[in-house]
Amino acid sequence: MKIYLSFILLFVGLSVTAQQQQEVYKLDSCVQFGANPFDDVVVRVQQTAKWKTKKPSLESHLEKFFDDYTQKRAGGKITISLLVNSDGKPCTYEVRPNSNVRPDMAKLKAWMDMYEWEPAINNGKPVRSFKTLQISFEGKKITITELD
C-alpha cells in the first residue's frame, strides 16, 4: 500500500511541477500593428531595441511594478516577451512565470506598454523586432536581464 501511495504522490508532484513550468500567458495579439504583426519581424538586427526613457530606467520601472508582488521569500523568474514596432511602440505578447510571484497579467501588460522603446536598427533603418526580458527574484531583490 505504501508503494502505491508513494507512486501516486510522486506522479502528482511531477505533474504539478511540469504544469508550473509550462504556464504561459498570451496577453495580446499585437493587432494594433496590423493583421499579421509577426510577419515582418527582423530577428537578426545590427542594434537591438533599447529602453528609451532615462527616468524611470527599465530596472526602476519594473522594480516599482513588482514591489507590490514580491515577498520576503520570492524566488524564481518571469520571462516577458515584447514586440517592439519600428516606431518604438511596444506590445507585450507573452509572459512565462516560473516563480512564486504571481502578478496580475493584465496590469503587467499595461505597465510594460506605458513607455516607448528605441526601435531596433537594421541596415540603418528602424525595424520591428522582439525583445525578451528575464526578471529574476531573490527575496526582495529583482534582477532584469535583457535576452537577445
C-alpha atoms as a PDB file:
ATOM      1  CA  MET A   1       0.000   0.000   0.000  1.00  0.00           C
ATOM      2  CA  LYS A   2       2.858   2.366   0.831  1.00  0.00           C
ATOM      3  CA  ILE A   3       4.389   1.733  -2.582  1.00  0.00           C
ATOM      4  CA  TYR A   4       1.162   2.694  -4.351  1.00  0.00           C
ATOM      5  CA  LEU A   5       0.733   5.784  -2.210  1.00  0.00           C
ATOM      6  CA  SER A   6       4.351   6.825  -2.843  1.00  0.00           C
ATOM      7  CA  PHE A   7       3.903   6.313  -6.583  1.00  0.00           C
ATOM      8  CA  ILE A   8       0.732   8.424  -6.640  1.00  0.00           C
ATOM      9  CA  LEU A   9       2.358  11.233  -4.649  1.00  0.00           C
ATOM     10  CA  LEU A  10       5.401  11.169  -6.929  1.00  0.00           C
ATOM     11  CA  PHE A  11       3.175  11.357 -10.025  1.00  0.00           C
ATOM     12  CA  VAL A  12       1.144  14.264  -8.585  1.00  0.00           C
ATOM     13  CA  GLY A  13       4.317  16.129  -7.581  1.00  0.00           C
ATOM     14  CA  LEU A  14       5.863  15.748 -11.031  1.00  0.00           C
ATOM     15  CA  SER A  15       2.697  16.811 -12.821  1.00  0.00           C
ATOM     16  CA  VAL A  16       2.321  19.925 -10.633  1.00  0.00           C
ATOM     17  CA  THR A  17       5.940  20.909 -11.316  1.00  0.00           C
ATOM     18  CA  ALA A  18       5.517  20.338 -15.055  1.00  0.00           C
ATOM     19  CA  GLN A  19       2.348  22.428 -15.153  1.00  0.00           C
ATOM     20  CA  GLN A  20       4.021  25.295 -13.312  1.00  0.00           C
ATOM     21  CA  GLN A  21       6.887  25.485 -15.787  1.00  0.00           C
ATOM     22  CA  GLN A  22       4.626  25.248 -18.859  1.00  0.00           C
ATOM     23  CA  GLU A  23       2.449  28.163 -17.774  1.00  0.00           C
ATOM     24  CA  VAL A  24       2.304  30.813 -20.493  1.00  0.00           C
ATOM     25  CA  TYR A  25       0.099  33.879 -20.645  1.00  0.00           C
ATOM     26  CA  LYS A  26      -0.655  35.093 -24.160  1.00  0.00           C
ATOM     27  CA  LEU A  27      -1.551  38.683 -23.393  1.00  0.00           C
ATOM     28  CA  ASP A  28      -2.002  40.385 -26.686  1.00  0.00           C
ATOM     29  CA  SER A  29      -2.094  39.521 -30.344  1.00  0.00           C
ATOM     30  CA  CYS A  30      -0.465  42.898 -31.130  1.00  0.00           C
ATOM     31  CA  VAL A  31      -3.224  43.618 -33.637  1.00  0.00           C
ATOM     32  CA  GLN A  32      -2.545  47.353 -33.414  1.00  0.00           C
ATOM     33  CA  PHE A  33       0.396  46.634 -35.739  1.00  0.00           C
ATOM     34  CA  GLY A  34      -1.792  45.076 -38.416  1.00  0.00           C
ATOM     35  CA  ALA A  35      -3.401  41.751 -39.233  1.00  0.00           C
ATOM     36  CA  ASN A  36      -0.097  39.820 -39.230  1.00  0.00           C
ATOM     37  CA  PRO A  37       2.162  41.684 -36.778  1.00  0.00           C
ATOM     38  CA  PHE A  38       4.782  38.927 -36.574  1.00  0.00           C
ATOM     39  CA  ASP A  39       5.296  38.512 -40.335  1.00  0.00           C
ATOM     40  CA  ASP A  40       7.764  41.354 -40.844  1.00  0.00           C
ATOM     41  CA  VAL A  41       9.809  40.976 -37.637  1.00  0.00           C
ATOM     42  CA  VAL A  42      13.569  41.180 -38.142  1.00  0.00           C
ATOM     43  CA  VAL A  43      15.275  38.608 -35.935  1.00  0.00           C
ATOM     44  CA  ARG A  44      18.937  39.479 -36.520  1.00  0.00           C
ATOM     45  CA  VAL A  45      19.469  43.189 -36.217  1.00  0.00           C
ATOM     46  CA  GLN A  46      22.523  45.417 -36.102  1.00  0.00           C
ATOM     47  CA  GLN A  47      21.293  47.185 -32.967  1.00  0.00           C
ATOM     48  CA  THR A  48      18.632  45.747 -30.660  1.00  0.00           C
ATOM     49  CA  ALA A  49      15.689  47.709 -29.310  1.00  0.00           C
ATOM     50  CA  LYS A  50      16.527  49.766 -26.204  1.00  0.00           C
ATOM     51  CA  TRP A  51      14.536  51.286 -23.372  1.00  0.00           C
ATOM     52  CA  LYS A  52      14.075  54.908 -24.457  1.00  0.00           C
ATOM     53  CA  THR A  53      13.292  56.649 -21.178  1.00  0.00           C
ATOM     54  CA  LYS A  54      16.082  57.676 -18.785  1.00  0.00           C
ATOM     55  CA  LYS A  55      13.733  58.327 -15.855  1.00  0.00           C
ATOM     56  CA  PRO A  56      12.468  55.879 -14.952  1.00  0.00           C
ATOM     57  CA  SER A  57      15.062  53.378 -16.049  1.00  0.00           C
ATOM     58  CA  LEU A  58      13.840  49.961 -17.147  1.00  0.00           C
ATOM     59  CA  GLU A  59      15.056  48.473 -13.857  1.00  0.00           C
ATOM     60  CA  SER A  60      13.280  51.015 -11.655  1.00  0.00           C
ATOM     61  CA  HIS A  61      10.136  50.772 -13.812  1.00  0.00           C
ATOM     62  CA  LEU A  62       9.942  47.012 -13.279  1.00  0.00           C
ATOM     63  CA  GLU A  63      11.004  47.171  -9.627  1.00  0.00           C
ATOM     64  CA  LYS A  64       8.191  49.603  -8.916  1.00  0.00           C
ATOM     65  CA  PHE A  65       5.644  47.295 -10.554  1.00  0.00           C
ATOM     66  CA  PHE A  66       6.844  44.147  -8.802  1.00  0.00           C
ATOM     67  CA  ASP A  67       7.248  45.894  -5.440  1.00  0.00           C
ATOM     68  CA  ASP A  68       3.611  45.063  -4.678  1.00  0.00           C
ATOM     69  CA  TYR A  69       4.099  41.399  -5.583  1.00  0.00           C
ATOM     70  CA  THR A  70       7.453  40.450  -4.123  1.00  0.00           C
ATOM     71  CA  GLN A  71       7.592  38.790  -0.751  1.00  0.00           C
ATOM     72  CA  LYS A  72      10.438  38.051   1.625  1.00  0.00           C
ATOM     73  CA  ARG A  73      10.853  34.638   0.077  1.00  0.00           C
ATOM     74  CA  ALA A  74      10.121  35.495  -3.529  1.00  0.00           C
ATOM     75  CA  GLY A  75      12.086  33.302  -5.864  1.00  0.00           C
ATOM     76  CA  GLY A  76      12.239  32.260  -9.475  1.00  0.00           C
ATOM     77  CA  LYS A  77      11.985  34.058 -12.791  1.00  0.00           C
ATOM     78  CA  ILE A  78       9.445  35.657 -15.076  1.00  0.00           C
ATOM     79  CA  THR A  79      10.176  35.997 -18.789  1.00  0.00           C
ATOM     80  CA  ILE A  80       8.415  38.816 -20.641  1.00  0.00           C
ATOM     81  CA  SER A  81       8.358  38.840 -24.457  1.00  0.00           C
ATOM     82  CA  LEU A  82       7.745  42.128 -26.245  1.00  0.00           C
ATOM     83  CA  LEU A  83       7.248  43.057 -29.850  1.00  0.00           C
ATOM     84  CA  VAL A  84       8.786  46.493 -30.439  1.00  0.00           C
ATOM     85  CA  ASN A  85       7.434  48.234 -33.528  1.00  0.00           C
ATOM     86  CA  SER A  86       9.598  50.300 -35.873  1.00  0.00           C
ATOM     87  CA  ASP A  87       8.168  53.474 -34.288  1.00  0.00           C
ATOM     88  CA  GLY A  88       9.137  52.307 -30.764  1.00  0.00           C
ATOM     89  CA  LYS A  89       5.691  51.284 -29.554  1.00  0.00           C
ATOM     90  CA  PRO A  90       5.841  48.034 -27.550  1.00  0.00           C
ATOM     91  CA  CYS A  91       3.358  45.222 -27.318  1.00  0.00           C
ATOM     92  CA  THR A  92       3.642  42.673 -24.509  1.00  0.00           C
ATOM     93  CA  TYR A  93       2.507  39.442 -26.113  1.00  0.00           C
ATOM     94  CA  GLU A  94       3.717  36.718 -23.771  1.00  0.00           C
ATOM     95  CA  VAL A  95       4.661  36.207 -20.118  1.00  0.00           C
ATOM     96  CA  ARG A  96       6.147  32.978 -18.739  1.00  0.00           C
ATOM     97  CA  PRO A  97       6.169  32.930 -14.946  1.00  0.00           C
ATOM     98  CA  ASN A  98       8.318  30.305 -13.260  1.00  0.00           C
ATOM     99  CA  SER A  99       8.264  31.779  -9.791  1.00  0.00           C
ATOM    100  CA  ASN A 100       6.087  32.186  -6.745  1.00  0.00           C
ATOM    101  CA  VAL A 101       5.478  35.825  -7.751  1.00  0.00           C
ATOM    102  CA  ARG A 102       2.069  35.928  -9.451  1.00  0.00           C
ATOM    103  CA  PRO A 103       1.312  39.406 -10.805  1.00  0.00           C
ATOM    104  CA  ASP A 104      -1.943  40.451 -12.416  1.00  0.00           C
ATOM    105  CA  MET A 105      -1.121  39.792 -16.080  1.00  0.00           C
ATOM    106  CA  ALA A 106      -3.434  42.491 -17.476  1.00  0.00           C
ATOM    107  CA  LYS A 107      -1.812  45.099 -15.209  1.00  0.00           C
ATOM    108  CA  LEU A 108       1.646  43.853 -16.185  1.00  0.00           C
ATOM    109  CA  LYS A 109       0.797  44.223 -19.881  1.00  0.00           C
ATOM    110  CA  ALA A 110      -0.481  47.763 -19.339  1.00  0.00           C
ATOM    111  CA  TRP A 111       2.601  48.600 -17.250  1.00  0.00           C
ATOM    112  CA  MET A 112       5.039  47.294 -19.868  1.00  0.00           C
ATOM    113  CA  ASP A 113       3.250  49.119 -22.698  1.00  0.00           C
ATOM    114  CA  MET A 114       3.408  52.515 -20.887  1.00  0.00           C
ATOM    115  CA  TYR A 115       6.731  53.723 -22.285  1.00  0.00           C
ATOM    116  CA  GLU A 116       8.214  53.644 -25.756  1.00  0.00           C
ATOM    117  CA  TRP A 117      11.431  51.950 -26.783  1.00  0.00           C
ATOM    118  CA  GLU A 118      14.082  52.925 -29.287  1.00  0.00           C
ATOM    119  CA  PRO A 119      13.402  50.523 -32.151  1.00  0.00           C
ATOM    120  CA  ALA A 120      15.944  48.020 -33.391  1.00  0.00           C
ATOM    121  CA  ILE A 121      18.116  49.175 -36.279  1.00  0.00           C
ATOM    122  CA  ASN A 122      18.898  47.087 -39.330  1.00  0.00           C
ATOM    123  CA  ASN A 123      20.637  48.475 -42.448  1.00  0.00           C
ATOM    124  CA  GLY A 124      20.348  51.955 -40.954  1.00  0.00           C
ATOM    125  CA  LYS A 125      16.536  51.801 -40.671  1.00  0.00           C
ATOM    126  CA  PRO A 126      14.257  51.147 -37.698  1.00  0.00           C
ATOM    127  CA  VAL A 127      12.615  47.713 -37.856  1.00  0.00           C
ATOM    128  CA  ARG A 128      10.114  45.680 -35.882  1.00  0.00           C
ATOM    129  CA  SER A 129      11.848  43.237 -33.532  1.00  0.00           C
ATOM    130  CA  PHE A 130      11.464  41.035 -30.469  1.00  0.00           C
ATOM    131  CA  LYS A 131      12.725  41.909 -27.004  1.00  0.00           C
ATOM    132  CA  THR A 132      12.839  39.381 -24.196  1.00  0.00           C
ATOM    133  CA  LEU A 133      13.304  40.378 -20.574  1.00  0.00           C
ATOM    134  CA  GLN A 134      14.043  37.920 -17.799  1.00  0.00           C
ATOM    135  CA  ILE A 135      13.178  39.127 -14.313  1.00  0.00           C
ATOM    136  CA  SER A 136      14.803  37.138 -11.505  1.00  0.00           C
ATOM    137  CA  PHE A 137      13.567  37.290  -7.923  1.00  0.00           C
ATOM    138  CA  GLU A 138      15.822  36.583  -4.966  1.00  0.00           C
ATOM    139  CA  GLY A 139      13.956  37.639  -1.860  1.00  0.00           C
ATOM    140  CA  LYS A 140      13.121  41.306  -2.395  1.00  0.00           C
ATOM    141  CA  LYS A 141      15.967  41.769  -4.896  1.00  0.00           C
ATOM    142  CA  ILE A 142      14.973  41.972  -8.552  1.00  0.00           C
ATOM    143  CA  THR A 143      17.441  41.485 -11.403  1.00  0.00           C
ATOM    144  CA  ILE A 144      16.497  42.294 -15.005  1.00  0.00           C
ATOM    145  CA  THR A 145      18.365  40.623 -17.857  1.00  0.00           C
ATOM    146  CA  GLU A 146      17.739  41.549 -21.482  1.00  0.00           C
ATOM    147  CA  LEU A 147      17.976  38.388 -23.584  1.00  0.00           C
ATOM    148  CA  ASP A 148      18.980  38.952 -27.192  1.00  0.00           C
END
